[in-house]
Amino acid sequence: MWPIKLLFVVLFLFVLISLFQALNIMRKDQTTVSMSQFIGRRLIYSALLLILIIVAMAFGLITPNPRPY
């Protein structure tokens, strides 16, 4: 059970890293590397994370909290 949660955390960190790399390029106004490359990576990592969460819930690897309050 904990390896799937570790994979969630790693993918979430990849999303954050890609976001801050794009921010760094936007801040420095570099023209050598395209900012859309990092934004595209962030989109792919986010989609993978969402699909992985849905699949893990479907197979019963993780269970959602029944009462969120």
N, C-alpha and C. Protein backbone atom coordinates (compact mmCIF):
# COMPACT_ATOMS: atom_id res chain seq x y z
N MET A 1 0.81 -1.20 0.00
CA MET A 1 0.00 0.00 0.00
C MET A 1 0.86 1.26 0.00
N TRP A 2 1.96 1.25 0.73
CA TRP A 2 2.77 2.46 0.78
C TRP A 2 3.53 2.74 -0.51
N PRO A 3 3.86 1.73 -1.36
CA PRO A 3 4.55 2.10 -2.61
C PRO A 3 3.69 2.94 -3.54
N ILE A 4 2.37 2.70 -3.54
CA ILE A 4 1.51 3.48 -4.41
C ILE A 4 1.43 4.92 -3.91
N LYS A 5 1.43 5.09 -2.61
CA LYS A 5 1.40 6.45 -2.05
C LYS A 5 2.72 7.16 -2.30
N LEU A 6 3.80 6.42 -2.26
CA LEU A 6 5.10 7.01 -2.59
C LEU A 6 5.14 7.46 -4.04
N LEU A 7 4.54 6.67 -4.92
CA LEU A 7 4.46 7.06 -6.33
C LEU A 7 3.62 8.32 -6.50
N PHE A 8 2.55 8.46 -5.72
CA PHE A 8 1.74 9.68 -5.76
C PHE A 8 2.58 10.89 -5.37
N VAL A 9 3.35 10.75 -4.32
CA VAL A 9 4.17 11.87 -3.84
C VAL A 9 5.24 12.23 -4.86
N VAL A 10 5.86 11.23 -5.47
CA VAL A 10 6.91 11.49 -6.47
C VAL A 10 6.32 12.20 -7.68
N LEU A 11 5.17 11.75 -8.17
CA LEU A 11 4.54 12.42 -9.31
C LEU A 11 4.13 13.84 -8.95
N PHE A 12 3.63 14.04 -7.74
CA PHE A 12 3.26 15.39 -7.32
C PHE A 12 4.49 16.30 -7.25
N LEU A 13 5.61 15.76 -6.80
CA LEU A 13 6.85 16.55 -6.78
C LEU A 13 7.31 16.89 -8.19
N PHE A 14 7.15 15.96 -9.14
CA PHE A 14 7.48 16.26 -10.53
C PHE A 14 6.60 17.39 -11.07
N VAL A 15 5.33 17.40 -10.68
CA VAL A 15 4.43 18.48 -11.11
C VAL A 15 4.93 19.81 -10.57
N LEU A 16 5.30 19.85 -9.30
CA LEU A 16 5.78 21.10 -8.70
C LEU A 16 7.10 21.55 -9.30
N ILE A 17 8.00 20.60 -9.54
CA ILE A 17 9.30 20.95 -10.13
C ILE A 17 9.12 21.54 -11.52
N SER A 18 8.26 20.93 -12.32
CA SER A 18 8.01 21.45 -13.67
C SER A 18 7.39 22.83 -13.62
N LEU A 19 6.50 23.04 -12.66
CA LEU A 19 5.87 24.35 -12.52
C LEU A 19 6.89 25.42 -12.17
N PHE A 20 7.79 25.12 -11.24
CA PHE A 20 8.78 26.11 -10.85
C PHE A 20 9.86 26.30 -11.91
N GLN A 21 10.14 25.28 -12.71
CA GLN A 21 11.07 25.46 -13.82
C GLN A 21 10.48 26.42 -14.85
N ALA A 22 9.20 26.28 -15.13
CA ALA A 22 8.54 27.20 -16.06
C ALA A 22 8.52 28.62 -15.49
N LEU A 23 8.30 28.73 -14.20
CA LEU A 23 8.31 30.04 -13.56
C LEU A 23 9.69 30.67 -13.64
N ASN A 24 10.72 29.88 -13.45
CA ASN A 24 12.08 30.39 -13.53
C ASN A 24 12.40 30.90 -14.93
N ILE A 25 11.97 30.17 -15.95
CA ILE A 25 12.21 30.60 -17.32
C ILE A 25 11.43 31.88 -17.62
N MET A 26 10.20 31.97 -17.12
CA MET A 26 9.39 33.16 -17.35
C MET A 26 10.01 34.36 -16.65
N ARG A 27 10.56 34.14 -15.47
CA ARG A 27 11.16 35.24 -14.70
C ARG A 27 12.45 35.74 -15.34
N LYS A 28 13.27 34.82 -15.84
CA LYS A 28 14.55 35.20 -16.42
C LYS A 28 14.43 35.64 -17.88
N ASP A 29 13.30 35.36 -18.50
CA ASP A 29 13.05 35.72 -19.90
C ASP A 29 14.10 35.10 -20.82
N GLN A 30 14.33 33.81 -20.65
CA GLN A 30 15.28 33.10 -21.50
C GLN A 30 14.57 32.67 -22.78
N THR A 31 15.27 32.76 -23.88
CA THR A 31 14.67 32.35 -25.15
C THR A 31 15.25 31.03 -25.64
N THR A 32 16.23 30.46 -24.94
CA THR A 32 16.85 29.22 -25.40
C THR A 32 15.96 28.01 -25.15
N VAL A 33 15.20 28.02 -24.06
CA VAL A 33 14.33 26.90 -23.71
C VAL A 33 12.89 27.41 -23.69
N SER A 34 12.00 26.66 -24.29
CA SER A 34 10.60 27.07 -24.35
C SER A 34 9.90 26.76 -23.02
N MET A 35 9.15 27.74 -22.55
CA MET A 35 8.42 27.55 -21.30
C MET A 35 7.31 26.52 -21.49
N SER A 36 6.77 26.41 -22.69
CA SER A 36 5.67 25.46 -22.92
C SER A 36 6.13 24.02 -22.76
N GLN A 37 7.42 23.77 -22.89
CA GLN A 37 7.95 22.42 -22.68
C GLN A 37 7.72 21.99 -21.23
N PHE A 38 7.98 22.87 -20.29
CA PHE A 38 7.79 22.54 -18.88
C PHE A 38 6.32 22.52 -18.49
N ILE A 39 5.53 23.40 -19.09
CA ILE A 39 4.09 23.39 -18.83
C ILE A 39 3.47 22.11 -19.39
N GLY A 40 3.94 21.65 -20.53
CA GLY A 40 3.46 20.39 -21.10
C GLY A 40 3.82 19.21 -20.23
N ARG A 41 5.03 19.21 -19.69
CA ARG A 41 5.42 18.14 -18.76
C ARG A 41 4.53 18.14 -17.53
N ARG A 42 4.23 19.33 -17.03
CA ARG A 42 3.36 19.43 -15.85
C ARG A 42 1.98 18.87 -16.15
N LEU A 43 1.49 19.13 -17.33
CA LEU A 43 0.18 18.62 -17.72
C LEU A 43 0.20 17.09 -17.81
N ILE A 44 1.26 16.54 -18.38
CA ILE A 44 1.37 15.08 -18.50
C ILE A 44 1.48 14.44 -17.12
N TYR A 45 2.31 15.01 -16.24
CA TYR A 45 2.45 14.46 -14.89
C TYR A 45 1.14 14.54 -14.11
N SER A 46 0.40 15.64 -14.29
CA SER A 46 -0.88 15.79 -13.60
C SER A 46 -1.89 14.77 -14.10
N ALA A 47 -1.92 14.55 -15.41
CA ALA A 47 -2.84 13.56 -15.97
C ALA A 47 -2.47 12.16 -15.50
N LEU A 48 -1.18 11.84 -15.47
CA LEU A 48 -0.75 10.54 -14.97
C LEU A 48 -1.14 10.34 -13.51
N LEU A 49 -0.98 11.38 -12.72
CA LEU A 49 -1.33 11.30 -11.31
C LEU A 49 -2.83 11.06 -11.14
N LEU A 50 -3.64 11.78 -11.89
CA LEU A 50 -5.08 11.61 -11.80
C LEU A 50 -5.51 10.21 -12.24
N ILE A 51 -4.96 9.72 -13.35
CA ILE A 51 -5.29 8.38 -13.83
C ILE A 51 -4.84 7.33 -12.82
N LEU A 52 -3.66 7.50 -12.25
CA LEU A 52 -3.16 6.55 -11.26
C LEU A 52 -4.04 6.51 -10.02
N ILE A 53 -4.53 7.65 -9.59
CA ILE A 53 -5.42 7.69 -8.43
C ILE A 53 -6.73 6.98 -8.75
N ILE A 54 -7.28 7.20 -9.92
CA ILE A 54 -8.54 6.56 -10.29
C ILE A 54 -8.36 5.05 -10.40
N VAL A 55 -7.26 4.61 -11.01
CA VAL A 55 -7.01 3.16 -11.15
C VAL A 55 -6.77 2.53 -9.78
N ALA A 56 -6.04 3.20 -8.91
CA ALA A 56 -5.78 2.66 -7.58
C ALA A 56 -7.07 2.54 -6.77
N MET A 57 -7.97 3.50 -6.93
CA MET A 57 -9.25 3.41 -6.25
C MET A 57 -10.10 2.29 -6.84
N ALA A 58 -10.05 2.10 -8.14
CA ALA A 58 -10.84 1.05 -8.79
C ALA A 58 -10.39 -0.34 -8.36
N PHE A 59 -9.08 -0.52 -8.17
CA PHE A 59 -8.56 -1.82 -7.76
C PHE A 59 -8.51 -2.00 -6.24
N GLY A 60 -8.92 -1.00 -5.50
CA GLY A 60 -8.97 -1.11 -4.05
C GLY A 60 -7.63 -0.93 -3.36
N LEU A 61 -6.65 -0.38 -4.04
CA LEU A 61 -5.35 -0.14 -3.41
C LEU A 61 -5.40 1.00 -2.41
N ILE A 62 -6.25 1.98 -2.70
CA ILE A 62 -6.47 3.08 -1.77
C ILE A 62 -7.98 3.23 -1.60
N THR A 63 -8.37 3.76 -0.47
CA THR A 63 -9.80 3.99 -0.23
C THR A 63 -10.00 5.46 0.12
N PRO A 64 -11.01 6.08 -0.46
CA PRO A 64 -11.27 7.48 -0.14
C PRO A 64 -11.88 7.61 1.25
N ASN A 65 -11.74 8.76 1.81
CA ASN A 65 -12.32 9.05 3.11
C ASN A 65 -13.83 9.17 2.95
N PRO A 66 -14.63 8.34 3.66
CA PRO A 66 -16.08 8.40 3.47
C PRO A 66 -16.72 9.66 4.04
N ARG A 67 -16.12 10.22 5.08
CA ARG A 67 -16.65 11.44 5.69
C ARG A 67 -15.58 12.51 5.66
N PRO A 68 -15.65 13.45 4.72
CA PRO A 68 -14.57 14.43 4.60
C PRO A 68 -14.59 15.53 5.67
N TYR A 69 -15.58 15.55 6.53
CA TYR A 69 -15.63 16.59 7.56
C TYR A 69 -15.42 16.03 8.94
